[in-house]
Amino acid sequence: MPFTDQTKLIVDCQSNITSTDLWNNPPETALSKGFTASKGKELSLNWPPMNLPAANYYVTLYFQDNRSPSPRSWRVFDVKLNNQPFYNGLNVSTNGVMVYGKQWPLSDQTEIRMTPAPSSDKGPIINAGEIFQIVPLGPKTFPREGT
């Protein structure tokens, strides 16, 4: 489900990376645009837009600096999920980066909050995310129960 928020700044990405440049292969369109915030400002998204059932989730977030590649095309920020640290000091360049967490406990509305490092000359940016519910398999059956 795509990020949607008409109140956030949407930017086009200028780098020529493809989803195969990242370990988890996101959809190609995920790297073409991103949400960003101004220098020194936090970026917060409620995503997915519906409440999640209480469970453990596999969460993957994709980031890419939207500017043309140069020595200054990077930004550093912390990422929190529901006010819990997800990744601190994430350095995002035009090469793109993904971070993931497995067995991440989520429920109800999920907030992704990115806080820029004081040294970063640009605000945070996010391109895409994936959330998969981890469904535990029930008790194992014994072969004798199948006869």
N, C-alpha and C. Protein backbone atom coordinates (compact mmCIF):
# COMPACT_ATOMS: atom_id res chain seq x y z
N MET A 1 0.85 -1.17 0.00
CA MET A 1 0.00 0.00 0.00
C MET A 1 0.90 1.23 0.00
N PRO A 2 0.71 2.14 -0.93
CA PRO A 2 1.60 3.30 -1.03
C PRO A 2 1.43 4.27 0.13
N PHE A 3 2.52 5.00 0.40
CA PHE A 3 2.42 6.13 1.33
C PHE A 3 1.53 7.16 0.66
N THR A 4 0.61 7.72 1.40
CA THR A 4 -0.18 8.84 0.87
C THR A 4 -0.35 9.86 1.98
N ASP A 5 -0.01 11.10 1.69
CA ASP A 5 -0.19 12.18 2.64
C ASP A 5 -0.03 13.48 1.88
N GLN A 6 -1.13 14.16 1.64
CA GLN A 6 -1.11 15.39 0.85
C GLN A 6 -0.42 16.54 1.57
N THR A 7 -0.15 16.40 2.87
CA THR A 7 0.48 17.49 3.62
C THR A 7 2.00 17.40 3.61
N LYS A 8 2.56 16.34 3.05
CA LYS A 8 4.02 16.15 3.05
C LYS A 8 4.61 16.55 1.70
N LEU A 9 5.86 17.01 1.72
CA LEU A 9 6.58 17.38 0.52
C LEU A 9 7.03 16.12 -0.21
N ILE A 10 6.63 16.00 -1.47
CA ILE A 10 7.02 14.86 -2.31
C ILE A 10 8.06 15.34 -3.30
N VAL A 11 9.16 14.59 -3.42
CA VAL A 11 10.25 14.96 -4.32
C VAL A 11 10.53 13.82 -5.30
N ASP A 12 11.03 14.17 -6.47
CA ASP A 12 11.49 13.19 -7.45
C ASP A 12 12.95 12.88 -7.17
N CYS A 13 13.32 11.61 -7.29
CA CYS A 13 14.70 11.19 -7.07
C CYS A 13 15.49 11.30 -8.36
N GLN A 14 16.70 11.86 -8.28
CA GLN A 14 17.52 12.14 -9.45
C GLN A 14 18.56 11.06 -9.73
N SER A 15 18.75 10.11 -8.83
CA SER A 15 19.78 9.08 -9.00
C SER A 15 19.27 7.96 -9.88
N ASN A 16 20.21 7.29 -10.53
CA ASN A 16 19.88 6.18 -11.40
C ASN A 16 20.13 4.85 -10.70
N ILE A 17 19.43 4.57 -9.62
CA ILE A 17 19.58 3.25 -9.01
C ILE A 17 18.33 2.46 -9.32
N THR A 18 18.46 1.16 -9.28
CA THR A 18 17.32 0.28 -9.52
C THR A 18 17.08 -0.55 -8.27
N SER A 19 15.95 -1.21 -8.23
CA SER A 19 15.63 -2.01 -7.05
C SER A 19 16.63 -3.14 -6.87
N THR A 20 17.29 -3.59 -7.92
CA THR A 20 18.26 -4.67 -7.78
C THR A 20 19.54 -4.19 -7.10
N ASP A 21 19.72 -2.86 -6.98
CA ASP A 21 20.88 -2.33 -6.25
C ASP A 21 20.71 -2.50 -4.74
N LEU A 22 19.50 -2.80 -4.29
CA LEU A 22 19.22 -2.99 -2.87
C LEU A 22 18.96 -4.47 -2.61
N TRP A 23 19.29 -4.90 -1.43
CA TRP A 23 19.22 -6.32 -1.07
C TRP A 23 17.82 -6.90 -1.22
N ASN A 24 16.79 -6.15 -0.87
CA ASN A 24 15.45 -6.71 -0.78
C ASN A 24 14.60 -6.50 -2.03
N ASN A 25 15.12 -5.87 -3.06
CA ASN A 25 14.44 -5.65 -4.32
C ASN A 25 13.03 -5.05 -4.19
N PRO A 26 12.94 -3.78 -3.80
CA PRO A 26 11.62 -3.15 -3.74
C PRO A 26 11.10 -2.91 -5.16
N PRO A 27 9.82 -2.61 -5.32
CA PRO A 27 9.31 -2.27 -6.66
C PRO A 27 10.07 -1.06 -7.22
N GLU A 28 10.32 -1.06 -8.52
CA GLU A 28 11.07 0.02 -9.16
C GLU A 28 10.50 1.39 -8.84
N THR A 29 9.18 1.52 -8.86
CA THR A 29 8.56 2.83 -8.64
C THR A 29 8.80 3.34 -7.22
N ALA A 30 9.17 2.47 -6.30
CA ALA A 30 9.41 2.89 -4.92
C ALA A 30 10.59 3.84 -4.81
N LEU A 31 11.50 3.79 -5.76
CA LEU A 31 12.70 4.62 -5.69
C LEU A 31 12.60 5.89 -6.54
N SER A 32 11.48 6.12 -7.18
CA SER A 32 11.36 7.28 -8.06
C SER A 32 10.96 8.56 -7.33
N LYS A 33 10.29 8.43 -6.21
CA LYS A 33 9.82 9.59 -5.44
C LYS A 33 10.04 9.32 -3.95
N GLY A 34 9.96 10.37 -3.15
CA GLY A 34 10.09 10.22 -1.71
C GLY A 34 9.42 11.36 -0.98
N PHE A 35 9.09 11.13 0.28
CA PHE A 35 8.61 12.18 1.17
C PHE A 35 9.83 12.74 1.89
N THR A 36 9.87 14.06 2.07
CA THR A 36 10.99 14.67 2.77
C THR A 36 10.50 15.82 3.63
N ALA A 37 11.39 16.32 4.46
CA ALA A 37 11.11 17.47 5.33
C ALA A 37 12.25 18.46 5.18
N SER A 38 12.00 19.69 5.56
CA SER A 38 13.01 20.74 5.49
C SER A 38 14.12 20.48 6.50
N LYS A 39 15.25 21.15 6.30
CA LYS A 39 16.40 21.04 7.20
C LYS A 39 15.95 21.29 8.65
N GLY A 40 16.36 20.38 9.53
CA GLY A 40 16.07 20.53 10.95
C GLY A 40 14.67 20.10 11.36
N LYS A 41 13.84 19.69 10.43
CA LYS A 41 12.45 19.31 10.74
C LYS A 41 12.30 17.80 10.77
N GLU A 42 11.44 17.32 11.67
CA GLU A 42 11.10 15.90 11.71
C GLU A 42 10.14 15.58 10.58
N LEU A 43 10.14 14.32 10.18
CA LEU A 43 9.19 13.80 9.21
C LEU A 43 8.45 12.65 9.87
N SER A 44 7.14 12.73 9.86
CA SER A 44 6.32 11.71 10.50
C SER A 44 5.23 11.24 9.54
N LEU A 45 5.09 9.92 9.43
CA LEU A 45 4.06 9.33 8.58
C LEU A 45 3.29 8.30 9.39
N ASN A 46 1.99 8.28 9.24
CA ASN A 46 1.17 7.19 9.77
C ASN A 46 0.95 6.22 8.62
N TRP A 47 1.60 5.07 8.71
CA TRP A 47 1.54 4.09 7.62
C TRP A 47 1.73 2.70 8.16
N PRO A 48 0.97 1.74 7.73
CA PRO A 48 -0.11 1.84 6.76
C PRO A 48 -1.28 2.64 7.32
N PRO A 49 -2.20 3.05 6.44
CA PRO A 49 -3.28 3.94 6.89
C PRO A 49 -4.33 3.27 7.77
N MET A 50 -4.28 1.95 7.88
CA MET A 50 -5.27 1.27 8.73
C MET A 50 -4.60 0.76 10.00
N ASN A 51 -5.41 0.45 11.00
CA ASN A 51 -4.89 -0.12 12.24
C ASN A 51 -4.43 -1.56 11.99
N LEU A 52 -3.31 -1.90 12.60
CA LEU A 52 -2.78 -3.26 12.48
C LEU A 52 -3.20 -4.09 13.68
N PRO A 53 -3.50 -5.37 13.47
CA PRO A 53 -3.76 -6.24 14.61
C PRO A 53 -2.47 -6.46 15.40
N ALA A 54 -2.57 -6.59 16.69
CA ALA A 54 -1.39 -6.81 17.54
C ALA A 54 -0.71 -8.11 17.12
N ALA A 55 0.53 -7.98 16.67
CA ALA A 55 1.30 -9.13 16.20
C ALA A 55 2.74 -8.69 15.98
N ASN A 56 3.58 -9.65 15.61
CA ASN A 56 4.94 -9.33 15.22
C ASN A 56 4.97 -9.16 13.70
N TYR A 57 5.78 -8.21 13.25
CA TYR A 57 5.85 -7.88 11.84
C TYR A 57 7.29 -7.80 11.38
N TYR A 58 7.48 -8.09 10.10
CA TYR A 58 8.75 -7.85 9.41
C TYR A 58 8.58 -6.49 8.75
N VAL A 59 9.44 -5.55 9.08
CA VAL A 59 9.33 -4.17 8.59
C VAL A 59 10.58 -3.83 7.78
N THR A 60 10.39 -3.35 6.56
CA THR A 60 11.50 -2.90 5.72
C THR A 60 11.19 -1.49 5.26
N LEU A 61 12.16 -0.60 5.41
CA LEU A 61 12.01 0.79 4.97
C LEU A 61 13.13 1.11 3.98
N TYR A 62 12.78 1.85 2.92
CA TYR A 62 13.71 2.19 1.84
C TYR A 62 13.93 3.70 1.80
N PHE A 63 15.18 4.09 1.64
CA PHE A 63 15.55 5.51 1.65
C PHE A 63 16.54 5.78 0.53
N GLN A 64 16.43 6.97 -0.08
CA GLN A 64 17.40 7.39 -1.09
C GLN A 64 17.40 8.91 -1.13
N ASP A 65 18.58 9.52 -1.01
CA ASP A 65 18.67 10.97 -1.17
C ASP A 65 18.20 11.32 -2.57
N ASN A 66 17.31 12.29 -2.68
CA ASN A 66 16.67 12.59 -3.96
C ASN A 66 17.51 13.47 -4.89
N ARG A 67 18.60 14.04 -4.39
CA ARG A 67 19.38 14.97 -5.20
C ARG A 67 20.28 14.24 -6.20
N SER A 68 20.80 14.98 -7.16
CA SER A 68 21.78 14.41 -8.09
C SER A 68 23.01 13.99 -7.30
N PRO A 69 23.66 12.87 -7.69
CA PRO A 69 24.83 12.41 -6.95
C PRO A 69 25.94 13.46 -6.89
N SER A 70 26.46 13.67 -5.68
CA SER A 70 27.59 14.57 -5.45
C SER A 70 28.15 14.25 -4.07
N PRO A 71 29.30 14.78 -3.71
CA PRO A 71 29.86 14.51 -2.38
C PRO A 71 28.96 15.01 -1.24
N ARG A 72 28.04 15.94 -1.52
CA ARG A 72 27.15 16.47 -0.48
C ARG A 72 25.75 15.85 -0.51
N SER A 73 25.53 14.84 -1.34
CA SER A 73 24.21 14.22 -1.47
C SER A 73 24.02 13.11 -0.46
N TRP A 74 23.83 13.48 0.78
CA TRP A 74 23.57 12.53 1.86
C TRP A 74 22.88 13.28 2.98
N ARG A 75 22.27 12.54 3.85
CA ARG A 75 21.60 13.10 5.03
C ARG A 75 21.59 12.03 6.12
N VAL A 76 21.59 12.46 7.37
CA VAL A 76 21.64 11.54 8.51
C VAL A 76 20.45 11.82 9.41
N PHE A 77 19.77 10.75 9.84
CA PHE A 77 18.64 10.91 10.74
C PHE A 77 18.36 9.61 11.48
N ASP A 78 17.59 9.73 12.57
CA ASP A 78 17.15 8.57 13.35
C ASP A 78 15.74 8.19 12.90
N VAL A 79 15.44 6.90 12.96
CA VAL A 79 14.13 6.39 12.57
C VAL A 79 13.51 5.70 13.78
N LYS A 80 12.27 6.05 14.09
CA LYS A 80 11.52 5.40 15.16
C LYS A 80 10.22 4.84 14.61
N LEU A 81 9.80 3.70 15.14
CA LEU A 81 8.48 3.14 14.87
C LEU A 81 7.70 3.18 16.17
N ASN A 82 6.57 3.85 16.15
CA ASN A 82 5.75 3.99 17.36
C ASN A 82 6.58 4.43 18.56
N ASN A 83 7.43 5.40 18.32
CA ASN A 83 8.27 6.02 19.34
C ASN A 83 9.36 5.10 19.90
N GLN A 84 9.61 3.98 19.25
CA GLN A 84 10.69 3.07 19.64
C GLN A 84 11.80 3.15 18.61
N PRO A 85 13.07 3.23 19.04
CA PRO A 85 14.17 3.32 18.07
C PRO A 85 14.17 2.14 17.10
N PHE A 86 14.18 2.44 15.82
CA PHE A 86 14.26 1.43 14.76
C PHE A 86 15.66 1.42 14.16
N TYR A 87 16.21 2.63 13.92
CA TYR A 87 17.59 2.74 13.44
C TYR A 87 18.08 4.14 13.78
N ASN A 88 19.21 4.22 14.48
CA ASN A 88 19.79 5.51 14.85
C ASN A 88 20.97 5.83 13.94
N GLY A 89 21.08 7.09 13.55
CA GLY A 89 22.21 7.54 12.75
C GLY A 89 22.22 6.98 11.34
N LEU A 90 21.07 6.82 10.74
CA LEU A 90 20.99 6.30 9.37
C LEU A 90 21.57 7.34 8.41
N ASN A 91 22.56 6.93 7.62
CA ASN A 91 23.20 7.80 6.64
C ASN A 91 22.66 7.41 5.27
N VAL A 92 21.87 8.29 4.67
CA VAL A 92 21.21 8.01 3.40
C VAL A 92 21.88 8.81 2.30
N SER A 93 22.32 8.12 1.26
CA SER A 93 22.96 8.78 0.11
C SER A 93 22.12 8.53 -1.14
N THR A 94 22.62 8.99 -2.28
CA THR A 94 21.92 8.76 -3.54
C THR A 94 22.02 7.30 -3.98
N ASN A 95 22.88 6.51 -3.34
CA ASN A 95 22.97 5.08 -3.64
C ASN A 95 21.81 4.29 -3.05
N GLY A 96 21.07 4.89 -2.14
CA GLY A 96 19.94 4.21 -1.52
C GLY A 96 20.37 3.28 -0.40
N VAL A 97 19.48 3.05 0.52
CA VAL A 97 19.72 2.14 1.63
C VAL A 97 18.38 1.60 2.12
N MET A 98 18.41 0.40 2.63
CA MET A 98 17.21 -0.16 3.26
C MET A 98 17.57 -0.65 4.64
N VAL A 99 16.61 -0.57 5.54
CA VAL A 99 16.79 -1.12 6.88
C VAL A 99 15.57 -1.98 7.17
N TYR A 100 15.78 -3.04 7.94
CA TYR A 100 14.65 -3.89 8.27
C TYR A 100 14.76 -4.38 9.70
N GLY A 101 13.62 -4.75 10.21
CA GLY A 101 13.54 -5.36 11.53
C GLY A 101 12.61 -6.55 11.45
N LYS A 102 13.01 -7.63 12.08
CA LYS A 102 12.13 -8.80 12.11
C LYS A 102 11.57 -8.94 13.51
N GLN A 103 10.44 -9.56 13.61
CA GLN A 103 9.78 -9.76 14.90
C GLN A 103 9.49 -8.42 15.58
N TRP A 104 9.08 -7.43 14.81
CA TRP A 104 8.81 -6.10 15.34
C TRP A 104 7.36 -6.06 15.84
N PRO A 105 7.13 -5.86 17.15
CA PRO A 105 5.76 -5.85 17.67
C PRO A 105 5.05 -4.54 17.30
N LEU A 106 3.94 -4.66 16.60
CA LEU A 106 3.13 -3.50 16.22
C LEU A 106 1.67 -3.77 16.52
N SER A 107 0.91 -2.71 16.72
CA SER A 107 -0.54 -2.82 16.86
C SER A 107 -1.15 -1.45 16.62
N ASP A 108 -2.40 -1.45 16.20
CA ASP A 108 -3.15 -0.22 15.95
C ASP A 108 -2.44 0.64 14.91
N GLN A 109 -2.52 1.97 15.08
CA GLN A 109 -1.90 2.90 14.12
C GLN A 109 -0.39 2.86 14.27
N THR A 110 0.32 2.81 13.16
CA THR A 110 1.78 2.77 13.17
C THR A 110 2.33 4.10 12.69
N GLU A 111 3.24 4.69 13.47
CA GLU A 111 3.87 5.94 13.10
C GLU A 111 5.35 5.69 12.80
N ILE A 112 5.79 6.20 11.66
CA ILE A 112 7.20 6.20 11.30
C ILE A 112 7.67 7.64 11.49
N ARG A 113 8.62 7.85 12.40
CA ARG A 113 9.10 9.21 12.68
C ARG A 113 10.61 9.26 12.44
N MET A 114 11.02 10.25 11.65
CA MET A 114 12.42 10.42 11.32
C MET A 114 12.88 11.79 11.84
N THR A 115 13.96 11.79 12.63
CA THR A 115 14.49 13.00 13.25
C THR A 115 15.89 13.26 12.71
N PRO A 116 16.11 14.43 12.08
CA PRO A 116 17.43 14.68 11.50
C PRO A 116 18.51 14.88 12.55
N ALA A 117 19.72 14.45 12.21
CA ALA A 117 20.88 14.71 13.06
C ALA A 117 21.20 16.19 12.98
N PRO A 118 21.69 16.78 14.07
CA PRO A 118 22.03 18.21 14.03
C PRO A 118 23.04 18.56 12.94
N SER A 119 23.90 17.61 12.57
CA SER A 119 24.93 17.87 11.57
C SER A 119 24.42 17.75 10.13
N SER A 120 23.21 17.24 9.95
CA SER A 120 22.69 17.02 8.61
C SER A 120 22.18 18.32 8.00
N ASP A 121 22.59 18.61 6.77
CA ASP A 121 22.16 19.86 6.13
C ASP A 121 20.84 19.73 5.39
N LYS A 122 20.24 18.54 5.41
CA LYS A 122 18.93 18.29 4.80
C LYS A 122 18.05 17.54 5.79
N GLY A 123 16.74 17.66 5.61
CA GLY A 123 15.80 16.92 6.44
C GLY A 123 15.75 15.45 6.03
N PRO A 124 15.07 14.64 6.80
CA PRO A 124 14.95 13.21 6.48
C PRO A 124 14.14 12.98 5.19
N ILE A 125 14.28 11.79 4.65
CA ILE A 125 13.55 11.39 3.45
C ILE A 125 13.22 9.91 3.56
N ILE A 126 12.09 9.50 3.00
CA ILE A 126 11.73 8.08 2.92
C ILE A 126 11.05 7.84 1.59
N ASN A 127 11.38 6.71 0.98
CA ASN A 127 10.83 6.38 -0.33
C ASN A 127 9.74 5.32 -0.26
N ALA A 128 9.93 4.31 0.55
CA ALA A 128 8.97 3.21 0.55
C ALA A 128 9.11 2.40 1.84
N GLY A 129 8.15 1.52 2.05
CA GLY A 129 8.18 0.61 3.19
C GLY A 129 7.37 -0.63 2.90
N GLU A 130 7.71 -1.68 3.60
CA GLU A 130 6.95 -2.93 3.53
C GLU A 130 6.74 -3.42 4.95
N ILE A 131 5.54 -3.89 5.22
CA ILE A 131 5.23 -4.47 6.52
C ILE A 131 4.51 -5.79 6.26
N PHE A 132 5.09 -6.87 6.77
CA PHE A 132 4.50 -8.19 6.63
C PHE A 132 4.22 -8.76 8.02
N GLN A 133 3.01 -9.22 8.23
CA GLN A 133 2.69 -9.85 9.51
C GLN A 133 3.32 -11.23 9.55
N ILE A 134 3.96 -11.53 10.66
CA ILE A 134 4.55 -12.85 10.86
C ILE A 134 3.49 -13.72 11.53
N VAL A 135 3.05 -14.72 10.80
CA VAL A 135 2.00 -15.60 11.30
C VAL A 135 2.64 -16.89 11.80
N PRO A 136 2.58 -17.12 13.11
CA PRO A 136 3.19 -18.35 13.62
C PRO A 136 2.38 -19.57 13.19
N LEU A 137 3.10 -20.61 12.86
CA LEU A 137 2.42 -21.86 12.53
C LEU A 137 1.96 -22.51 13.82
N GLY A 138 0.82 -23.15 13.76
CA GLY A 138 0.27 -23.79 14.95
C GLY A 138 1.11 -24.98 15.38
N PRO A 139 0.63 -25.68 16.39
CA PRO A 139 1.37 -26.85 16.86
C PRO A 139 1.55 -27.86 15.73
N LYS A 140 2.66 -28.53 15.75
CA LYS A 140 2.93 -29.54 14.74
C LYS A 140 2.05 -30.75 14.99
N THR A 141 1.71 -31.41 13.91
CA THR A 141 0.94 -32.66 14.04
C THR A 141 1.89 -33.84 13.98
N PHE A 142 1.48 -34.91 14.54
CA PHE A 142 2.27 -36.15 14.50
C PHE A 142 1.76 -36.99 13.32
N PRO A 143 2.64 -37.78 12.71
CA PRO A 143 2.22 -38.59 11.56
C PRO A 143 1.02 -39.47 11.89
N ARG A 144 0.92 -39.94 13.12
CA ARG A 144 -0.20 -40.83 13.46
C ARG A 144 -1.54 -40.11 13.43
N GLU A 145 -1.52 -38.75 13.53
CA GLU A 145 -2.78 -38.02 13.50
C GLU A 145 -3.34 -37.92 12.09
N GLY A 146 -2.53 -38.22 11.09
CA GLY A 146 -2.99 -38.15 9.71
C GLY A 146 -3.62 -39.45 9.22
N THR A 147 -3.65 -40.47 10.05
CA THR A 147 -4.23 -41.76 9.59
C THR A 147 -5.61 -41.96 10.11
